[in-house]
């Protein structure tokens, strides 16, 4: 009887020792956070705040600098936590990375996730991607805190899913010149909320200056503009290489917004003529650009 009691006490002591070791390991394991960026919200809200427009073609965003700034801010807020990574959610036609999205994807500690982009340049499927990642990371205890930069009411379900597994969700927003740019139901569900102001975004958003070319009597012909489009395509191909060409071709006849804007600006410089409001010449420019690229494939 005494031997059985001694054996039982020994087992209890071993169990307590194991539990103490486990608790010590848990105490030493740092908390982990991740940053989730809804790029559609970011471009619209930051563009409106700094450049006075939501049109991505009208301003440039230093994504690398801004991501570094967000990581630094998170490091301050979550002082005893380590960064898992930054998740960057955006839309693209047929989910093919634009040149800008590809550059962002190559940044360290950044994961680009793409939804679709419809004919009206509206994102589709981005909210479901955010929910899927938030829920999965929380369920597997990969994160203890999530910083969510977004404003759509559809993100409420993503917040609730992550919270259901014990993660805390912190909503980050961008100052709105007027009213609010985040849905109230989203504000109600999160664990904390903070807003970044104009001074925070100013270093990373700059409005593109419109070149002062005015239509004149010397209006170029469609063939002239097609030729310039082909010239620019040849330069684009030599700089980007065939891999970028392979990625671009499935989007025909559409060009990613950033490529289309660069094409317009460079063409106006070569022609010394404004193509704004010249729909037929803009089509000729794109036709020339595409024709050259397709001939090289």
C-alpha atoms as a PDB file:
ATOM      1  CA  UNK A   1       0.000   0.000   0.000  1.00  0.00           C
ATOM      2  CA  UNK A   2       2.803   2.390   0.964  1.00  0.00           C
ATOM      3  CA  UNK A   3       4.667   1.431  -2.207  1.00  0.00           C
ATOM      4  CA  UNK A   4       1.598   2.282  -4.312  1.00  0.00           C
ATOM      5  CA  UNK A   5       1.228   5.635  -2.563  1.00  0.00           C
ATOM      6  CA  UNK A   6       4.900   6.412  -3.038  1.00  0.00           C
ATOM      7  CA  UNK A   7       4.621   5.530  -6.751  1.00  0.00           C
ATOM      8  CA  UNK A   8       1.575   7.767  -7.115  1.00  0.00           C
ATOM      9  CA  UNK A   9       3.354  10.660  -5.403  1.00  0.00           C
ATOM     10  CA  UNK A  10       6.342  10.153  -7.666  1.00  0.00           C
ATOM     11  CA  UNK A  11       4.153  10.322 -10.763  1.00  0.00           C
ATOM     12  CA  UNK A  12       2.469  13.482  -9.495  1.00  0.00           C
ATOM     13  CA  UNK A  13       5.868  15.067  -8.873  1.00  0.00           C
ATOM     14  CA  UNK A  14       7.011  14.200 -12.411  1.00  0.00           C
ATOM     15  CA  UNK A  15       3.794  15.601 -13.878  1.00  0.00           C
ATOM     16  CA  UNK A  16       4.173  18.829 -11.909  1.00  0.00           C
ATOM     17  CA  UNK A  17       7.757  19.120 -13.065  1.00  0.00           C
ATOM     18  CA  UNK A  18       6.722  18.717 -16.704  1.00  0.00           C
ATOM     19  CA  UNK A  19       3.982  21.319 -16.302  1.00  0.00           C
ATOM     20  CA  UNK A  20       6.433  23.766 -14.766  1.00  0.00           C
ATOM     21  CA  UNK A  21       8.813  23.261 -17.688  1.00  0.00           C
ATOM     22  CA  UNK A  22       5.999  23.819 -20.184  1.00  0.00           C
ATOM     23  CA  UNK A  23       4.920  27.005 -18.420  1.00  0.00           C
ATOM     24  CA  UNK A  24       8.505  28.235 -18.385  1.00  0.00           C
ATOM     25  CA  UNK A  25       8.808  27.612 -22.144  1.00  0.00           C
ATOM     26  CA  UNK A  26       5.531  29.416 -22.816  1.00  0.00           C
ATOM     27  CA  UNK A  27       6.702  32.355 -20.739  1.00  0.00           C
ATOM     28  CA  UNK A  28       9.885  32.564 -22.818  1.00  0.00           C
ATOM     29  CA  UNK A  29       8.029  32.363 -26.152  1.00  0.00           C
ATOM     30  CA  UNK A  30       7.444  35.893 -27.469  1.00  0.00           C
ATOM     31  CA  UNK A  31       4.061  37.058 -28.670  1.00  0.00           C
ATOM     32  CA  UNK A  32       3.699  37.332 -32.438  1.00  0.00           C
ATOM     33  CA  UNK A  33       1.858  39.928 -34.504  1.00  0.00           C
ATOM     34  CA  UNK A  34       1.106  40.395 -38.188  1.00  0.00           C
ATOM     35  CA  UNK A  35       0.013  43.403 -40.245  1.00  0.00           C
ATOM     36  CA  UNK A  36      -2.838  43.038 -42.733  1.00  0.00           C
ATOM     37  CA  UNK A  37      -3.112  45.798 -45.350  1.00  0.00           C
ATOM     38  CA  UNK A  38      -6.154  46.221 -47.575  1.00  0.00           C
ATOM     39  CA  UNK A  39      -4.363  48.028 -50.419  1.00  0.00           C
ATOM     40  CA  UNK A  40      -7.633  49.190 -51.970  1.00  0.00           C
ATOM     41  CA  UNK A  41      -8.498  51.077 -48.780  1.00  0.00           C
ATOM     42  CA  UNK A  42      -4.917  52.314 -48.400  1.00  0.00           C
ATOM     43  CA  UNK A  43      -4.644  53.781 -51.896  1.00  0.00           C
ATOM     44  CA  UNK A  44      -8.091  55.369 -51.780  1.00  0.00           C
ATOM     45  CA  UNK A  45      -7.815  56.871 -48.287  1.00  0.00           C
ATOM     46  CA  UNK A  46      -4.143  57.917 -48.440  1.00  0.00           C
ATOM     47  CA  UNK A  47      -4.564  59.285 -51.970  1.00  0.00           C
ATOM     48  CA  UNK A  48      -7.565  61.335 -50.893  1.00  0.00           C
ATOM     49  CA  UNK A  49      -5.759  62.592 -47.783  1.00  0.00           C
ATOM     50  CA  UNK A  50      -2.426  63.554 -49.366  1.00  0.00           C
ATOM     51  CA  UNK A  51      -3.053  63.996 -53.103  1.00  0.00           C
ATOM     52  CA  UNK A  52      -6.728  64.937 -53.061  1.00  0.00           C
ATOM     53  CA  UNK A  53      -7.741  62.027 -55.291  1.00  0.00           C
ATOM     54  CA  UNK A  54      -8.487  58.297 -55.067  1.00  0.00           C
ATOM     55  CA  UNK A  55      -7.265  57.696 -58.634  1.00  0.00           C
ATOM     56  CA  UNK A  56      -4.115  55.576 -58.362  1.00  0.00           C
ATOM     57  CA  UNK A  57      -2.894  56.911 -61.696  1.00  0.00           C
ATOM     58  CA  UNK A  58      -2.694  60.427 -60.269  1.00  0.00           C
ATOM     59  CA  UNK A  59      -0.157  59.761 -57.517  1.00  0.00           C
ATOM     60  CA  UNK A  60       2.812  57.601 -56.592  1.00  0.00           C
ATOM     61  CA  UNK A  61       3.016  55.501 -53.448  1.00  0.00           C
ATOM     62  CA  UNK A  62       6.373  54.595 -51.912  1.00  0.00           C
ATOM     63  CA  UNK A  63       5.126  51.195 -50.765  1.00  0.00           C
ATOM     64  CA  UNK A  64       8.506  50.039 -49.460  1.00  0.00           C
ATOM     65  CA  UNK A  65       8.949  53.134 -47.303  1.00  0.00           C
ATOM     66  CA  UNK A  66       5.366  52.967 -46.042  1.00  0.00           C
ATOM     67  CA  UNK A  67       5.621  49.273 -45.169  1.00  0.00           C
ATOM     68  CA  UNK A  68       8.804  49.967 -43.198  1.00  0.00           C
ATOM     69  CA  UNK A  69       6.982  52.766 -41.361  1.00  0.00           C
ATOM     70  CA  UNK A  70       4.072  50.451 -40.514  1.00  0.00           C
ATOM     71  CA  UNK A  71       6.478  47.791 -39.245  1.00  0.00           C
ATOM     72  CA  UNK A  72       8.246  50.376 -37.066  1.00  0.00           C
ATOM     73  CA  UNK A  73       4.926  51.596 -35.667  1.00  0.00           C
ATOM     74  CA  UNK A  74       3.874  48.025 -34.897  1.00  0.00           C
ATOM     75  CA  UNK A  75       7.193  47.430 -33.160  1.00  0.00           C
ATOM     76  CA  UNK A  76       6.386  50.346 -30.865  1.00  0.00           C
ATOM     77  CA  UNK A  77       2.797  49.303 -30.206  1.00  0.00           C
ATOM     78  CA  UNK A  78       3.560  45.601 -29.713  1.00  0.00           C
ATOM     79  CA  UNK A  79       6.784  46.135 -27.799  1.00  0.00           C
ATOM     80  CA  UNK A  80       7.135  42.568 -26.482  1.00  0.00           C
ATOM     81  CA  UNK A  81       6.108  40.895 -29.727  1.00  0.00           C
ATOM     82  CA  UNK A  82       7.848  39.800 -32.907  1.00  0.00           C
ATOM     83  CA  UNK A  83       6.604  40.380 -36.457  1.00  0.00           C
ATOM     84  CA  UNK A  84       5.413  37.358 -38.389  1.00  0.00           C
ATOM     85  CA  UNK A  85       5.008  39.238 -41.681  1.00  0.00           C
ATOM     86  CA  UNK A  86       3.055  41.935 -43.530  1.00  0.00           C
ATOM     87  CA  UNK A  87       0.150  40.698 -45.663  1.00  0.00           C
ATOM     88  CA  UNK A  88      -0.636  42.993 -48.602  1.00  0.00           C
ATOM     89  CA  UNK A  89      -4.038  42.436 -50.229  1.00  0.00           C
ATOM     90  CA  UNK A  90      -4.769  43.950 -53.625  1.00  0.00           C
ATOM     91  CA  UNK A  91      -6.689  43.298 -56.825  1.00  0.00           C
ATOM     92  CA  UNK A  92      -5.321  42.483 -60.273  1.00  0.00           C
ATOM     93  CA  UNK A  93      -6.840  41.390 -63.534  1.00  0.00           C
ATOM     94  CA  UNK A  94      -6.830  37.590 -63.659  1.00  0.00           C
ATOM     95  CA  UNK A  95      -4.787  37.764 -60.439  1.00  0.00           C
ATOM     96  CA  UNK A  96      -1.627  38.526 -62.419  1.00  0.00           C
ATOM     97  CA  UNK A  97       0.807  40.748 -60.528  1.00  0.00           C
ATOM     98  CA  UNK A  98       1.396  44.225 -61.904  1.00  0.00           C
ATOM     99  CA  UNK A  99       4.988  45.459 -61.936  1.00  0.00           C
ATOM    100  CA  UNK A 100       4.275  47.455 -58.771  1.00  0.00           C
ATOM    101  CA  UNK A 101       2.742  44.454 -56.996  1.00  0.00           C
ATOM    102  CA  UNK A 102       5.664  42.292 -58.025  1.00  0.00           C
ATOM    103  CA  UNK A 103       8.093  44.809 -56.515  1.00  0.00           C
ATOM    104  CA  UNK A 104       6.126  44.790 -53.264  1.00  0.00           C
ATOM    105  CA  UNK A 105       6.061  40.982 -53.235  1.00  0.00           C
ATOM    106  CA  UNK A 106       9.858  40.919 -53.402  1.00  0.00           C
ATOM    107  CA  UNK A 107      10.205  42.944 -50.180  1.00  0.00           C
ATOM    108  CA  UNK A 108      11.364  41.012 -47.100  1.00  0.00           C
ATOM    109  CA  UNK A 109       8.663  39.945 -44.625  1.00  0.00           C
ATOM    110  CA  UNK A 110       5.884  40.823 -47.107  1.00  0.00           C
ATOM    111  CA  UNK A 111       3.320  38.451 -48.604  1.00  0.00           C
ATOM    112  CA  UNK A 112       1.193  39.781 -51.494  1.00  0.00           C
ATOM    113  CA  UNK A 113      -2.246  38.179 -51.840  1.00  0.00           C
ATOM    114  CA  UNK A 114      -4.305  39.030 -54.918  1.00  0.00           C
ATOM    115  CA  UNK A 115      -8.023  39.100 -55.466  1.00  0.00           C
ATOM    116  CA  UNK A 116      -9.540  39.753 -58.854  1.00  0.00           C
ATOM    117  CA  UNK A 117     -10.144  43.121 -60.516  1.00  0.00           C
ATOM    118  CA  UNK A 118     -13.315  43.455 -62.564  1.00  0.00           C
ATOM    119  CA  UNK A 119     -13.986  45.623 -65.609  1.00  0.00           C
ATOM    120  CA  UNK A 120     -14.883  48.560 -63.331  1.00  0.00           C
ATOM    121  CA  UNK A 121     -11.553  48.265 -61.459  1.00  0.00           C
ATOM    122  CA  UNK A 122     -13.367  46.973 -58.359  1.00  0.00           C
ATOM    123  CA  UNK A 123     -11.655  44.431 -56.134  1.00  0.00           C
ATOM    124  CA  UNK A 124     -13.319  41.031 -55.800  1.00  0.00           C
ATOM    125  CA  UNK A 125     -12.351  38.333 -53.318  1.00  0.00           C
ATOM    126  CA  UNK A 126      -9.961  40.431 -51.220  1.00  0.00           C
ATOM    127  CA  UNK A 127     -12.125  40.385 -48.073  1.00  0.00           C
ATOM    128  CA  UNK A 128     -12.402  36.596 -48.191  1.00  0.00           C
ATOM    129  CA  UNK A 129      -8.608  36.306 -48.466  1.00  0.00           C
ATOM    130  CA  UNK A 130      -8.175  38.495 -45.391  1.00  0.00           C
ATOM    131  CA  UNK A 131     -10.687  36.417 -43.450  1.00  0.00           C
ATOM    132  CA  UNK A 132      -9.045  33.153 -44.502  1.00  0.00           C
ATOM    133  CA  UNK A 133      -5.575  34.292 -43.417  1.00  0.00           C
ATOM    134  CA  UNK A 134      -6.718  35.905 -40.178  1.00  0.00           C
ATOM    135  CA  UNK A 135      -8.741  32.853 -39.153  1.00  0.00           C
ATOM    136  CA  UNK A 136      -6.033  30.356 -40.108  1.00  0.00           C
ATOM    137  CA  UNK A 137      -3.228  32.198 -38.322  1.00  0.00           C
ATOM    138  CA  UNK A 138      -5.326  32.685 -35.197  1.00  0.00           C
ATOM    139  CA  UNK A 139      -6.513  29.055 -35.190  1.00  0.00           C
ATOM    140  CA  UNK A 140      -2.941  27.758 -35.365  1.00  0.00           C
ATOM    141  CA  UNK A 141      -1.785  30.235 -32.697  1.00  0.00           C
ATOM    142  CA  UNK A 142       0.657  31.745 -35.203  1.00  0.00           C
ATOM    143  CA  UNK A 143      -0.297  35.259 -34.068  1.00  0.00           C
ATOM    144  CA  UNK A 144      -1.536  36.788 -30.847  1.00  0.00           C
ATOM    145  CA  UNK A 145      -2.254  40.238 -32.330  1.00  0.00           C
ATOM    146  CA  UNK A 146      -3.379  41.380 -35.775  1.00  0.00           C
ATOM    147  CA  UNK A 147      -3.069  44.967 -37.002  1.00  0.00           C
ATOM    148  CA  UNK A 148      -5.680  45.437 -39.731  1.00  0.00           C
ATOM    149  CA  UNK A 149      -5.415  48.460 -42.028  1.00  0.00           C
ATOM    150  CA  UNK A 150      -8.805  48.600 -43.721  1.00  0.00           C
ATOM    151  CA  UNK A 151     -12.282  50.011 -43.495  1.00  0.00           C
ATOM    152  CA  UNK A 152     -14.814  47.762 -45.256  1.00  0.00           C
ATOM    153  CA  UNK A 153     -17.767  46.422 -43.255  1.00  0.00           C
ATOM    154  CA  UNK A 154     -17.227  43.058 -44.946  1.00  0.00           C
ATOM    155  CA  UNK A 155     -14.116  42.655 -42.769  1.00  0.00           C
ATOM    156  CA  UNK A 156     -16.287  42.244 -39.652  1.00  0.00           C
ATOM    157  CA  UNK A 157     -16.527  38.481 -40.214  1.00  0.00           C
ATOM    158  CA  UNK A 158     -12.723  38.276 -40.503  1.00  0.00           C
ATOM    159  CA  UNK A 159     -12.331  40.078 -37.180  1.00  0.00           C
ATOM    160  CA  UNK A 160     -14.868  37.831 -35.460  1.00  0.00           C
ATOM    161  CA  UNK A 161     -13.220  34.694 -36.851  1.00  0.00           C
ATOM    162  CA  UNK A 162      -9.785  35.666 -35.515  1.00  0.00           C
ATOM    163  CA  UNK A 163     -11.164  36.725 -32.150  1.00  0.00           C
ATOM    164  CA  UNK A 164     -12.967  33.402 -31.865  1.00  0.00           C
ATOM    165  CA  UNK A 165      -9.560  31.715 -31.673  1.00  0.00           C
ATOM    166  CA  UNK A 166      -8.190  34.131 -29.088  1.00  0.00           C
ATOM    167  CA  UNK A 167      -6.330  36.639 -31.252  1.00  0.00           C
ATOM    168  CA  UNK A 168      -6.715  40.364 -30.598  1.00  0.00           C
ATOM    169  CA  UNK A 169      -7.498  42.493 -33.660  1.00  0.00           C
ATOM    170  CA  UNK A 170      -6.411  46.134 -33.777  1.00  0.00           C
ATOM    171  CA  UNK A 171      -7.940  48.317 -36.483  1.00  0.00           C
ATOM    172  CA  UNK A 172      -5.663  50.879 -38.116  1.00  0.00           C
ATOM    173  CA  UNK A 173      -7.202  53.672 -40.148  1.00  0.00           C
ATOM    174  CA  UNK A 174      -6.253  56.677 -42.259  1.00  0.00           C
ATOM    175  CA  UNK A 175      -7.389  60.172 -41.384  1.00  0.00           C
ATOM    176  CA  UNK A 176     -10.367  61.253 -43.473  1.00  0.00           C
ATOM    177  CA  UNK A 177     -10.542  64.893 -44.650  1.00  0.00           C
ATOM    178  CA  UNK A 178     -14.295  64.735 -44.074  1.00  0.00           C
ATOM    179  CA  UNK A 179     -16.399  62.267 -42.113  1.00  0.00           C
ATOM    180  CA  UNK A 180     -15.233  58.663 -41.766  1.00  0.00           C
ATOM    181  CA  UNK A 181     -13.694  56.184 -44.173  1.00  0.00           C
ATOM    182  CA  UNK A 182     -14.215  53.101 -41.981  1.00  0.00           C
ATOM    183  CA  UNK A 183     -17.495  51.290 -41.361  1.00  0.00           C
ATOM    184  CA  UNK A 184     -18.948  51.714 -37.873  1.00  0.00           C
ATOM    185  CA  UNK A 185     -19.726  47.980 -37.414  1.00  0.00           C
ATOM    186  CA  UNK A 186     -16.033  47.294 -37.994  1.00  0.00           C
ATOM    187  CA  UNK A 187     -15.052  49.872 -35.370  1.00  0.00           C
ATOM    188  CA  UNK A 188     -17.435  48.228 -32.896  1.00  0.00           C
ATOM    189  CA  UNK A 189     -15.955  44.733 -33.258  1.00  0.00           C
ATOM    190  CA  UNK A 190     -12.192  45.338 -32.985  1.00  0.00           C
ATOM    191  CA  UNK A 191     -10.167  45.299 -29.760  1.00  0.00           C
ATOM    192  CA  UNK A 192      -8.556  48.692 -30.361  1.00  0.00           C
ATOM    193  CA  UNK A 193      -8.492  51.399 -33.010  1.00  0.00           C
ATOM    194  CA  UNK A 194      -5.994  54.060 -34.039  1.00  0.00           C
ATOM    195  CA  UNK A 195      -5.790  56.516 -36.938  1.00  0.00           C
ATOM    196  CA  UNK A 196      -2.693  57.648 -38.837  1.00  0.00           C
ATOM    197  CA  UNK A 197      -2.702  61.287 -39.891  1.00  0.00           C
ATOM    198  CA  UNK A 198      -1.493  63.374 -42.811  1.00  0.00           C
ATOM    199  CA  UNK A 199       2.031  63.771 -41.424  1.00  0.00           C
ATOM    200  CA  UNK A 200       2.440  59.998 -41.285  1.00  0.00           C
ATOM    201  CA  UNK A 201       1.567  59.482 -44.965  1.00  0.00           C
ATOM    202  CA  UNK A 202       3.055  62.630 -46.500  1.00  0.00           C
ATOM    203  CA  UNK A 203       6.560  61.188 -47.024  1.00  0.00           C
ATOM    204  CA  UNK A 204       5.166  58.220 -48.954  1.00  0.00           C
ATOM    205  CA  UNK A 205       2.490  59.698 -51.235  1.00  0.00           C
ATOM    206  CA  UNK A 206       3.242  62.238 -53.965  1.00  0.00           C
ATOM    207  CA  UNK A 207       0.939  63.567 -56.646  1.00  0.00           C
ATOM    208  CA  UNK A 208       2.113  63.100 -60.210  1.00  0.00           C
ATOM    209  CA  UNK A 209       2.593  66.428 -61.912  1.00  0.00           C
ATOM    210  CA  UNK A 210       0.634  66.750 -65.131  1.00  0.00           C
ATOM    211  CA  UNK A 211       2.832  67.713 -68.020  1.00  0.00           C
ATOM    212  CA  UNK A 212       1.770  70.929 -69.651  1.00  0.00           C
ATOM    213  CA  UNK A 213       1.368  69.737 -73.210  1.00  0.00           C
ATOM    214  CA  UNK A 214      -1.575  71.337 -74.966  1.00  0.00           C
ATOM    215  CA  UNK A 215      -3.280  70.114 -78.113  1.00  0.00           C
ATOM    216  CA  UNK A 216      -2.076  72.106 -81.106  1.00  0.00           C
ATOM    217  CA  UNK A 217      -2.808  72.198 -84.817  1.00  0.00           C
ATOM    218  CA  UNK A 218      -0.026  69.632 -85.243  1.00  0.00           C
ATOM    219  CA  UNK A 219      -2.107  66.752 -84.009  1.00  0.00           C
ATOM    220  CA  UNK A 220      -0.198  63.502 -84.532  1.00  0.00           C
ATOM    221  CA  UNK A 221      -1.737  60.822 -86.699  1.00  0.00           C
ATOM    222  CA  UNK A 222      -2.832  57.497 -85.303  1.00  0.00           C
ATOM    223  CA  UNK A 223       0.111  55.852 -87.075  1.00  0.00           C
ATOM    224  CA  UNK A 224       2.521  58.311 -85.446  1.00  0.00           C
ATOM    225  CA  UNK A 225       1.126  57.423 -82.039  1.00  0.00           C
ATOM    226  CA  UNK A 226       1.171  53.683 -82.782  1.00  0.00           C
ATOM    227  CA  UNK A 227       4.831  53.966 -83.702  1.00  0.00           C
ATOM    228  CA  UNK A 228       5.605  55.736 -80.419  1.00  0.00           C
ATOM    229  CA  UNK A 229       3.706  53.003 -78.547  1.00  0.00           C
ATOM    230  CA  UNK A 230       5.881  50.383 -80.232  1.00  0.00           C
ATOM    231  CA  UNK A 231       9.034  52.364 -79.349  1.00  0.00           C
ATOM    232  CA  UNK A 232       8.067  52.471 -75.698  1.00  0.00           C
ATOM    233  CA  UNK A 233       7.207  48.759 -75.758  1.00  0.00           C
ATOM    234  CA  UNK A 234      10.686  47.943 -77.084  1.00  0.00           C
ATOM    235  CA  UNK A 235      12.241  49.944 -74.256  1.00  0.00           C
ATOM    236  CA  UNK A 236       9.898  48.364 -71.695  1.00  0.00           C
ATOM    237  CA  UNK A 237      10.795  44.872 -72.894  1.00  0.00           C
ATOM    238  CA  UNK A 238      14.551  45.530 -72.798  1.00  0.00           C
ATOM    239  CA  UNK A 239      14.275  46.812 -69.211  1.00  0.00           C
ATOM    240  CA  UNK A 240      11.795  44.248 -67.817  1.00  0.00           C
ATOM    241  CA  UNK A 241      12.683  41.112 -69.789  1.00  0.00           C
ATOM    242  CA  UNK A 242      10.614  38.261 -71.218  1.00  0.00           C
ATOM    243  CA  UNK A 243       9.395  37.049 -67.815  1.00  0.00           C
ATOM    244  CA  UNK A 244       7.505  40.290 -67.335  1.00  0.00           C
ATOM    245  CA  UNK A 245       6.178  39.992 -70.890  1.00  0.00           C
ATOM    246  CA  UNK A 246       4.797  36.511 -70.173  1.00  0.00           C
ATOM    247  CA  UNK A 247       3.010  37.885 -67.097  1.00  0.00           C
ATOM    248  CA  UNK A 248       1.583  40.849 -69.016  1.00  0.00           C
ATOM    249  CA  UNK A 249       0.243  39.026 -72.088  1.00  0.00           C
ATOM    250  CA  UNK A 250      -2.721  37.214 -70.455  1.00  0.00           C
ATOM    251  CA  UNK A 251      -4.204  40.604 -69.556  1.00  0.00           C
ATOM    252  CA  UNK A 252      -4.547  41.698 -73.208  1.00  0.00           C
ATOM    253  CA  UNK A 253      -6.097  44.066 -74.223  1.00  0.00           C
ATOM    254  CA  UNK A 254      -5.908  45.631 -70.753  1.00  0.00           C
ATOM    255  CA  UNK A 255      -2.767  47.138 -69.289  1.00  0.00           C
ATOM    256  CA  UNK A 256      -2.187  47.358 -65.533  1.00  0.00           C
ATOM    257  CA  UNK A 257      -2.916  50.887 -64.313  1.00  0.00           C
ATOM    258  CA  UNK A 258       0.702  51.654 -63.462  1.00  0.00           C
ATOM    259  CA  UNK A 259       1.966  50.464 -66.889  1.00  0.00           C
ATOM    260  CA  UNK A 260      -0.778  52.351 -68.711  1.00  0.00           C
ATOM    261  CA  UNK A 261      -0.010  55.566 -66.829  1.00  0.00           C
ATOM    262  CA  UNK A 262       3.741  55.283 -67.490  1.00  0.00           C
ATOM    263  CA  UNK A 263       3.005  54.621 -71.170  1.00  0.00           C
ATOM    264  CA  UNK A 264       0.873  57.764 -71.394  1.00  0.00           C
ATOM    265  CA  UNK A 265       3.403  60.015 -69.662  1.00  0.00           C
ATOM    266  CA  UNK A 266       6.348  58.769 -71.740  1.00  0.00           C
ATOM    267  CA  UNK A 267       4.375  59.043 -74.996  1.00  0.00           C
ATOM    268  CA  UNK A 268       3.372  62.626 -74.250  1.00  0.00           C
ATOM    269  CA  UNK A 269       7.014  63.457 -73.642  1.00  0.00           C
ATOM    270  CA  UNK A 270       8.105  61.965 -76.961  1.00  0.00           C
ATOM    271  CA  UNK A 271       5.239  63.491 -78.930  1.00  0.00           C
ATOM    272  CA  UNK A 272       5.244  66.818 -77.059  1.00  0.00           C
ATOM    273  CA  UNK A 273       1.485  66.573 -77.280  1.00  0.00           C
ATOM    274  CA  UNK A 274      -1.215  65.942 -74.677  1.00  0.00           C
ATOM    275  CA  UNK A 275      -3.179  62.725 -75.162  1.00  0.00           C
ATOM    276  CA  UNK A 276      -5.593  63.547 -72.316  1.00  0.00           C
ATOM    277  CA  UNK A 277      -9.121  63.401 -73.656  1.00  0.00           C
ATOM    278  CA  UNK A 278      -7.881  61.982 -76.969  1.00  0.00           C
ATOM    279  CA  UNK A 279      -9.551  58.571 -76.780  1.00  0.00           C
ATOM    280  CA  UNK A 280      -8.695  57.515 -80.332  1.00  0.00           C
ATOM    281  CA  UNK A 281      -5.021  58.375 -79.899  1.00  0.00           C
ATOM    282  CA  UNK A 282      -4.872  56.626 -76.511  1.00  0.00           C
ATOM    283  CA  UNK A 283      -6.212  53.487 -78.191  1.00  0.00           C
ATOM    284  CA  UNK A 284      -3.654  53.814 -80.968  1.00  0.00           C
ATOM    285  CA  UNK A 285      -0.904  54.152 -78.358  1.00  0.00           C
ATOM    286  CA  UNK A 286      -1.958  50.985 -76.573  1.00  0.00           C
ATOM    287  CA  UNK A 287      -2.394  49.163 -79.897  1.00  0.00           C
ATOM    288  CA  UNK A 288       1.174  50.023 -80.879  1.00  0.00           C
ATOM    289  CA  UNK A 289       2.469  48.947 -77.469  1.00  0.00           C
ATOM    290  CA  UNK A 290       0.655  45.606 -77.585  1.00  0.00           C
ATOM    291  CA  UNK A 291       1.472  44.947 -81.246  1.00  0.00           C
ATOM    292  CA  UNK A 292       5.206  45.170 -80.596  1.00  0.00           C
ATOM    293  CA  UNK A 293       5.070  42.961 -77.494  1.00  0.00           C
ATOM    294  CA  UNK A 294       2.975  40.298 -79.180  1.00  0.00           C
ATOM    295  CA  UNK A 295       5.341  40.237 -82.149  1.00  0.00           C
ATOM    296  CA  UNK A 296       8.210  39.407 -79.786  1.00  0.00           C
ATOM    297  CA  UNK A 297       6.478  36.506 -78.052  1.00  0.00           C
END
